[in-house]
Amino acid sequence: MQLRRAFTLVELLVVIAIIGLLVALLLPAVQAAREAARRTECKNHLKQIGIALQNYHSGMGSFPPGRLSCQTIPNQGRCYSTYIFLLPFLEAASVQQEFNLLANADSPDPLYPGANLTARMQKMPNLLCPSDSYHLPMPGFEVHNYPLSTGNTFPVSPLNPGGVPVTGVFFENSTIGIRDVQDGSSNTVCISETILSVSGMGENPKGVWDGKPTRGFVLTTGNDNAWSAPALTSYPAQCAPGNKLEQGRGVKWFFGAPGHAMYNHIRPPNDPNIDCRGGGTLSKLGPSVWNLLSHNITAHSNHPGGVSALYCDGHVQFVTNGVNLFIWQGLGSRAGGEAVAAP
């Protein structure tokens, strides 16, 4: 009887090495395919938002305000974002009905104690990018990944003390329509992407920026996020290590505020430098700090190489990190007269 020869140790090691090599070759391809699927899903979410914007515009003659500031009583702003008005067009009218729109979006309300506590925790799956890891950086508030463009200048309010124009589609009490997008709706970005803050990242125990990489954004020097709220007028001089760090990026989809639900086109997508906000956002403050609201917060995503952008005509396009800065800034302006087209 002839015995069957078994594998030698060398042969076994060769087989294991070949299998390992095949896995090493296949794994990046699998990961790339998964990311491609996530990016496609993300673009579809933005397209749904684009359709909702167009439907709202058809009915109202303009896009919703980027940040509604409506003082039903003094210094109580009810500062809702565009998304609260789009809910019926995103098949989420029931979510809108859970909000008391007469009460503050984000802060305790003296007229309506306890209002909106449950509504603020409404998860909106079509406002989430699947490439970002879902988590809640601030307990009690839901998150999203699709901020509104305020343009290519610092201010959010047209009432800013310097009289600097707000050049984007969405800003405080904005009523921008297609008629106002003189650069062309196919050449003007209205919404892009952001990533969620990670608690403690780049933050020391005192809650200030330690100069290390972070997903948060700093406040201007001397800004306590309340009544002491210097406007951002000089970047990066006012945005240094040691400043208060906010870990609320992407938090409060219903709240119209930079970092939370707004970004701008001053710096290129995924720029590694620190994002920064000036002025005060909270609904329980008042015009003296709301008018100072300003920022240099750019678009961010976890997609390799760039971000997806929703244009005012409803189409979605991927913009690379290496886009020419003049083009990127021009895409953020609704009527700047820049001779740029979508890259």
Protein backbone atom coordinates (compact mmCIF):
# COMPACT_ATOMS: atom_id res chain seq x y z
CA MET A 1 0.00 0.00 0.00
CA GLN A 2 1.42 3.38 -1.09
CA LEU A 3 1.22 6.13 1.51
CA ARG A 4 0.05 9.61 0.39
CA ARG A 5 2.73 12.25 0.92
CA ALA A 6 1.63 15.15 3.17
CA PHE A 7 2.51 18.83 2.72
CA THR A 8 5.93 19.76 3.89
CA LEU A 9 6.39 22.71 6.19
CA VAL A 10 7.85 24.76 3.34
CA GLU A 11 4.88 24.01 1.09
CA LEU A 12 2.44 24.95 3.85
CA LEU A 13 4.20 28.24 4.45
CA VAL A 14 4.14 29.02 0.72
CA VAL A 15 0.38 28.37 0.56
CA ILE A 16 -0.22 30.58 3.62
CA ALA A 17 1.91 33.33 2.08
CA ILE A 18 -0.04 33.17 -1.19
CA ILE A 19 -3.37 33.36 0.65
CA GLY A 20 -2.11 36.32 2.68
CA LEU A 21 -0.97 38.08 -0.48
CA LEU A 22 -4.35 37.54 -2.13
CA VAL A 23 -6.15 38.92 0.94
CA ALA A 24 -3.83 41.94 0.97
CA LEU A 25 -4.61 42.58 -2.69
CA LEU A 26 -8.37 42.09 -2.36
CA LEU A 27 -8.98 44.01 0.89
CA PRO A 28 -8.31 47.51 -0.52
CA ALA A 29 -10.56 46.72 -3.48
CA VAL A 30 -13.36 45.63 -1.12
CA GLN A 31 -12.90 48.72 1.01
CA ALA A 32 -12.91 50.95 -2.07
CA ALA A 33 -16.11 49.32 -3.32
CA ARG A 34 -17.78 49.86 0.04
CA GLU A 35 -16.69 53.52 0.13
CA ALA A 36 -17.98 54.00 -3.43
CA ALA A 37 -21.36 52.67 -2.30
CA ARG A 38 -21.35 54.97 0.75
CA ARG A 39 -20.43 57.96 -1.40
CA THR A 40 -23.27 57.16 -3.81
CA GLU A 41 -25.71 56.95 -0.89
CA CYS A 42 -24.40 60.28 0.42
CA LYS A 43 -24.94 61.92 -2.97
CA ASN A 44 -28.47 60.53 -3.06
CA HIS A 45 -29.18 62.13 0.32
CA LEU A 46 -28.01 65.48 -1.04
CA LYS A 47 -30.17 65.02 -4.15
CA GLN A 48 -33.20 64.44 -1.92
CA ILE A 49 -32.40 67.67 -0.08
CA GLY A 50 -32.03 69.42 -3.44
CA ILE A 51 -35.47 68.24 -4.54
CA ALA A 52 -36.93 69.42 -1.24
CA LEU A 53 -35.34 72.85 -1.73
CA GLN A 54 -36.75 73.13 -5.24
CA ASN A 55 -40.22 72.12 -4.08
CA TYR A 56 -40.10 74.64 -1.23
CA HIS A 57 -38.92 77.31 -3.67
CA SER A 58 -41.77 76.51 -6.08
CA GLY A 59 -44.31 77.09 -3.33
CA MET A 60 -42.72 80.03 -1.51
CA GLY A 61 -40.73 81.82 -4.22
CA SER A 62 -37.46 81.56 -2.32
CA PHE A 63 -35.30 79.15 -0.37
CA PRO A 64 -35.93 78.86 3.40
CA PRO A 65 -33.98 81.15 5.76
CA GLY A 66 -30.60 79.77 6.75
CA ARG A 67 -31.09 81.00 10.30
CA LEU A 68 -34.47 82.30 11.40
CA SER A 69 -34.13 84.97 14.07
CA CYS A 70 -37.63 85.87 15.23
CA GLN A 71 -37.96 87.51 18.64
CA THR A 72 -41.47 86.78 19.83
CA ILE A 73 -40.17 88.17 23.11
CA PRO A 74 -36.96 90.23 23.50
CA ASN A 75 -33.69 88.30 23.27
CA GLN A 76 -35.34 84.96 22.54
CA GLY A 77 -34.53 84.22 18.92
CA ARG A 78 -36.16 80.87 17.98
CA CYS A 79 -33.11 80.39 15.73
CA TYR A 80 -34.22 77.52 13.49
CA SER A 81 -32.27 76.34 10.44
CA THR A 82 -33.39 75.70 6.87
CA TYR A 83 -34.05 72.05 7.66
CA ILE A 84 -36.98 72.74 9.97
CA PHE A 85 -38.81 74.28 7.00
CA LEU A 86 -37.85 71.47 4.61
CA LEU A 87 -39.23 68.66 6.76
CA PRO A 88 -42.61 68.41 4.97
CA PHE A 89 -40.71 68.12 1.67
CA LEU A 90 -38.47 65.40 3.09
CA GLU A 91 -41.47 63.24 4.04
CA ALA A 92 -41.01 64.23 7.67
CA ALA A 93 -43.97 66.52 8.36
CA SER A 94 -44.64 64.56 11.55
CA VAL A 95 -41.18 65.51 12.83
CA GLN A 96 -41.89 69.19 12.17
CA GLN A 97 -45.14 68.87 14.15
CA GLU A 98 -43.19 67.72 17.19
CA PHE A 99 -41.39 71.08 17.35
CA ASN A 100 -42.97 74.06 19.03
CA LEU A 101 -41.76 76.70 16.59
CA LEU A 102 -42.81 79.46 19.00
CA ALA A 103 -40.18 78.19 21.43
CA ASN A 104 -36.40 78.34 21.17
CA ALA A 105 -34.75 75.78 18.93
CA ASP A 106 -31.76 75.05 21.17
CA SER A 107 -32.13 76.80 24.53
CA PRO A 108 -34.51 76.72 27.49
CA ASP A 109 -37.48 78.98 26.77
CA PRO A 110 -39.01 81.21 29.46
CA LEU A 111 -42.47 81.00 27.88
CA TYR A 112 -42.40 77.28 27.09
CA PRO A 113 -40.44 75.38 29.75
CA GLY A 114 -39.46 71.94 28.55
CA ALA A 115 -40.42 72.64 24.94
CA ASN A 116 -38.68 70.68 22.16
CA LEU A 117 -36.66 68.41 24.45
CA THR A 118 -37.99 65.32 22.67
CA ALA A 119 -38.06 66.90 19.23
CA ARG A 120 -34.35 67.75 19.43
CA MET A 121 -33.61 64.03 19.58
CA GLN A 122 -35.33 63.23 16.29
CA LYS A 123 -32.89 61.26 14.16
CA MET A 124 -33.00 62.14 10.45
CA PRO A 125 -31.38 59.27 8.48
CA ASN A 126 -31.45 61.17 5.17
CA LEU A 127 -29.36 63.94 6.75
CA LEU A 128 -26.56 61.52 7.69
CA CYS A 129 -23.56 60.57 5.57
CA PRO A 130 -22.83 56.82 5.82
CA SER A 131 -19.08 57.48 5.60
CA ASP A 132 -19.11 59.25 8.95
CA SER A 133 -19.44 57.30 12.19
CA TYR A 134 -22.81 58.07 13.79
CA HIS A 135 -22.55 59.29 17.39
CA LEU A 136 -23.85 62.11 19.58
CA PRO A 137 -21.08 64.53 20.62
CA MET A 138 -23.57 66.52 22.74
CA PRO A 139 -26.18 64.54 24.71
CA GLY A 140 -29.74 65.63 24.04
CA PHE A 141 -29.20 66.80 20.45
CA GLU A 142 -29.33 64.85 17.18
CA VAL A 143 -26.75 65.27 14.43
CA HIS A 144 -26.40 65.63 10.65
CA ASN A 145 -23.70 65.92 7.94
CA TYR A 146 -25.04 68.50 5.48
CA PRO A 147 -24.38 72.14 6.43
CA LEU A 148 -25.66 75.25 4.64
CA SER A 149 -23.36 77.63 2.78
CA THR A 150 -23.20 81.23 3.99
CA GLY A 151 -20.84 82.25 1.16
CA ASN A 152 -17.21 83.35 1.07
CA THR A 153 -17.10 86.06 3.76
CA PHE A 154 -17.02 85.81 7.57
CA PRO A 155 -20.43 87.24 8.63
CA VAL A 156 -23.71 85.34 8.98
CA SER A 157 -25.90 88.39 9.68
CA PRO A 158 -26.38 91.22 7.14
CA LEU A 159 -26.57 93.47 10.22
CA ASN A 160 -22.91 92.85 11.09
CA PRO A 161 -21.22 96.04 12.40
CA GLY A 162 -18.73 96.22 9.53
CA GLY A 163 -21.41 96.08 6.85
CA VAL A 164 -19.61 93.17 5.15
CA PRO A 165 -21.87 91.49 2.56
CA VAL A 166 -23.07 87.96 3.28
CA THR A 167 -22.53 86.33 -0.10
CA GLY A 168 -24.08 82.86 0.18
CA VAL A 169 -27.56 81.44 -0.22
CA PHE A 170 -28.26 80.84 3.47
CA PHE A 171 -27.78 83.34 6.30
CA GLU A 172 -29.73 85.06 9.07
CA ASN A 173 -33.33 85.69 7.93
CA SER A 174 -32.34 85.08 4.30
CA THR A 175 -35.01 84.94 1.58
CA ILE A 176 -32.80 84.13 -1.40
CA GLY A 177 -34.50 82.91 -4.57
CA ILE A 178 -33.18 81.65 -7.88
CA ARG A 179 -33.63 85.21 -9.17
CA ASP A 180 -30.93 86.32 -6.70
CA VAL A 181 -28.41 83.67 -7.74
CA GLN A 182 -26.95 85.81 -10.48
CA ASP A 183 -23.83 83.67 -10.88
CA GLY A 184 -26.09 80.86 -12.06
CA SER A 185 -27.79 78.17 -10.03
CA SER A 186 -25.59 75.49 -11.65
CA ASN A 187 -22.46 77.40 -10.56
CA THR A 188 -23.44 78.12 -6.95
CA VAL A 189 -23.15 75.63 -4.11
CA CYS A 190 -25.80 75.83 -1.41
CA ILE A 191 -25.05 72.76 0.77
CA SER A 192 -22.01 70.53 1.26
CA GLU A 193 -20.70 68.17 3.97
CA THR A 194 -19.32 68.18 7.49
CA ILE A 195 -18.00 65.58 9.93
CA LEU A 196 -19.11 65.08 13.51
CA SER A 197 -17.05 66.28 16.45
CA VAL A 198 -15.34 63.74 18.67
CA SER A 199 -15.52 64.63 22.36
CA GLY A 200 -12.13 65.33 23.93
CA MET A 201 -10.21 65.37 20.64
CA GLY A 202 -7.78 68.31 20.67
CA GLU A 203 -9.25 69.53 23.98
CA ASN A 204 -7.56 69.93 27.33
CA PRO A 205 -9.39 69.46 30.67
CA LYS A 206 -10.30 73.17 30.74
CA GLY A 207 -12.26 72.86 27.50
CA VAL A 208 -9.82 74.83 25.38
CA TRP A 209 -7.98 73.89 22.21
CA ASP A 210 -4.57 72.34 22.89
CA GLY A 211 -3.29 72.95 19.36
CA LYS A 212 -3.58 69.30 18.30
CA PRO A 213 -5.84 67.94 15.53
CA THR A 214 -9.53 68.17 16.40
CA ARG A 215 -12.92 67.75 14.81
CA GLY A 216 -14.25 70.66 16.83
CA PHE A 217 -13.95 74.37 16.13
CA VAL A 218 -12.55 77.17 18.28
CA LEU A 219 -14.24 80.39 19.30
CA THR A 220 -12.60 83.76 18.77
CA THR A 221 -10.19 84.95 21.47
CA GLY A 222 -12.20 86.14 24.49
CA ASN A 223 -15.42 84.45 23.30
CA ASP A 224 -17.30 82.70 26.13
CA ASN A 225 -20.15 81.52 23.87
CA ALA A 226 -22.47 83.93 25.68
CA TRP A 227 -22.47 87.71 26.00
CA SER A 228 -18.73 88.14 25.45
CA ALA A 229 -18.57 87.16 21.79
CA PRO A 230 -16.08 89.05 19.57
CA ALA A 231 -16.78 88.77 15.85
CA LEU A 232 -14.29 86.97 13.64
CA THR A 233 -12.53 89.60 11.57
CA SER A 234 -8.94 88.28 11.40
CA TYR A 235 -8.11 84.63 10.70
CA PRO A 236 -6.07 82.92 12.10
CA ALA A 237 -4.99 85.64 14.58
CA GLN A 238 -8.21 85.29 16.61
CA CYS A 239 -8.28 81.49 16.45
CA ALA A 240 -5.33 80.22 18.49
CA PRO A 241 -4.51 77.38 20.88
CA GLY A 242 -5.88 78.24 24.31
CA ASN A 243 -9.20 79.47 22.91
CA LYS A 244 -12.46 77.81 23.93
CA LEU A 245 -13.13 74.67 21.86
CA GLU A 246 -16.65 73.75 20.76
CA GLN A 247 -17.32 70.04 20.13
CA GLY A 248 -20.65 70.67 18.41
CA ARG A 249 -19.77 70.24 14.75
CA GLY A 250 -22.75 68.67 12.99
CA VAL A 251 -24.86 68.80 16.15
CA LYS A 252 -28.43 70.27 16.07
CA TRP A 253 -29.58 69.90 12.45
CA PHE A 254 -32.57 72.11 13.32
CA PHE A 255 -30.45 75.00 14.66
CA GLY A 256 -29.13 77.73 12.35
CA ALA A 257 -25.55 78.31 13.49
CA PRO A 258 -22.02 78.04 12.05
CA GLY A 259 -20.36 74.74 12.85
CA HIS A 260 -23.68 73.22 13.82
CA ALA A 261 -25.51 73.68 10.51
CA MET A 262 -23.50 76.23 8.50
CA TYR A 263 -20.14 76.42 6.73
CA ASN A 264 -18.48 78.73 4.20
CA HIS A 265 -16.12 78.75 1.20
CA ILE A 266 -13.20 80.80 2.50
CA ARG A 267 -10.84 77.80 2.78
CA PRO A 268 -10.72 74.69 0.55
CA PRO A 269 -12.55 71.46 1.41
CA ASN A 270 -11.00 69.39 4.22
CA ASP A 271 -8.44 72.10 4.95
CA PRO A 272 -6.42 70.85 7.97
CA ASN A 273 -6.22 74.26 9.65
CA ILE A 274 -8.51 75.03 12.59
CA ASP A 275 -12.13 76.08 11.99
CA CYS A 276 -13.25 79.14 13.95
CA ARG A 277 -16.44 80.97 14.94
CA GLY A 278 -17.12 84.44 16.28
CA GLY A 279 -20.20 86.04 17.81
CA GLY A 280 -22.92 84.23 19.75
CA THR A 281 -25.40 81.66 18.43
CA LEU A 282 -27.74 80.70 21.25
CA SER A 283 -31.42 81.56 20.89
CA LYS A 284 -31.50 82.87 24.47
CA LEU A 285 -29.02 85.68 23.72
CA GLY A 286 -29.83 88.78 21.66
CA PRO A 287 -29.05 90.95 18.63
CA SER A 288 -25.95 92.47 20.22
CA VAL A 289 -24.14 89.13 19.80
CA TRP A 290 -26.23 87.60 17.00
CA ASN A 291 -25.14 90.44 14.70
CA LEU A 292 -21.52 89.49 15.45
CA LEU A 293 -22.05 85.91 14.31
CA SER A 294 -19.22 85.05 11.91
CA HIS A 295 -17.03 82.11 10.99
CA ASN A 296 -14.34 80.44 8.93
CA ILE A 297 -15.61 76.87 8.91
CA THR A 298 -15.05 74.90 5.73
CA ALA A 299 -16.61 71.73 4.33
CA HIS A 300 -15.31 68.39 5.59
CA SER A 301 -16.05 64.74 4.81
CA ASN A 302 -14.68 61.25 5.39
CA HIS A 303 -14.71 60.54 1.64
CA PRO A 304 -11.16 60.15 0.32
CA GLY A 305 -10.08 63.20 -1.64
CA GLY A 306 -12.91 65.67 -1.29
CA VAL A 307 -16.55 66.48 -0.48
CA SER A 308 -19.90 66.22 -2.21
CA ALA A 309 -21.63 69.53 -2.97
CA LEU A 310 -25.27 70.32 -3.73
CA TYR A 311 -25.74 73.15 -6.21
CA CYS A 312 -28.73 75.50 -6.30
CA ASP A 313 -30.12 73.85 -9.43
CA GLY A 314 -30.32 70.53 -7.57
CA HIS A 315 -27.37 68.67 -9.09
CA VAL A 316 -24.69 67.08 -6.87
CA GLN A 317 -21.00 66.99 -7.71
CA PHE A 318 -17.86 65.75 -5.96
CA VAL A 319 -15.31 68.54 -5.38
CA THR A 320 -11.72 67.52 -4.70
CA ASN A 321 -9.54 68.88 -1.92
CA GLY A 322 -7.18 70.27 -4.55
CA VAL A 323 -9.79 72.47 -6.22
CA ASN A 324 -8.47 75.90 -7.16
CA LEU A 325 -9.25 78.18 -4.21
CA PHE A 326 -10.56 80.98 -6.44
CA ILE A 327 -13.02 78.53 -8.02
CA TRP A 328 -14.11 77.13 -4.63
CA GLN A 329 -14.67 80.62 -3.25
CA GLY A 330 -16.57 81.63 -6.39
CA LEU A 331 -18.85 78.59 -6.06
CA GLY A 332 -19.84 79.86 -2.61
CA SER A 333 -20.91 83.28 -3.88
CA ARG A 334 -24.38 83.74 -5.34
CA ALA A 335 -23.74 87.03 -7.16
CA GLY A 336 -20.03 87.79 -7.03
CA GLY A 337 -19.60 87.89 -10.78
CA GLU A 338 -16.72 85.40 -10.69
CA ALA A 339 -16.12 83.71 -14.03
CA VAL A 340 -16.06 80.20 -12.61
CA ALA A 341 -17.86 76.98 -13.40
CA ALA A 342 -18.34 73.76 -11.49
CA PRO A 343 -14.99 71.89 -11.52
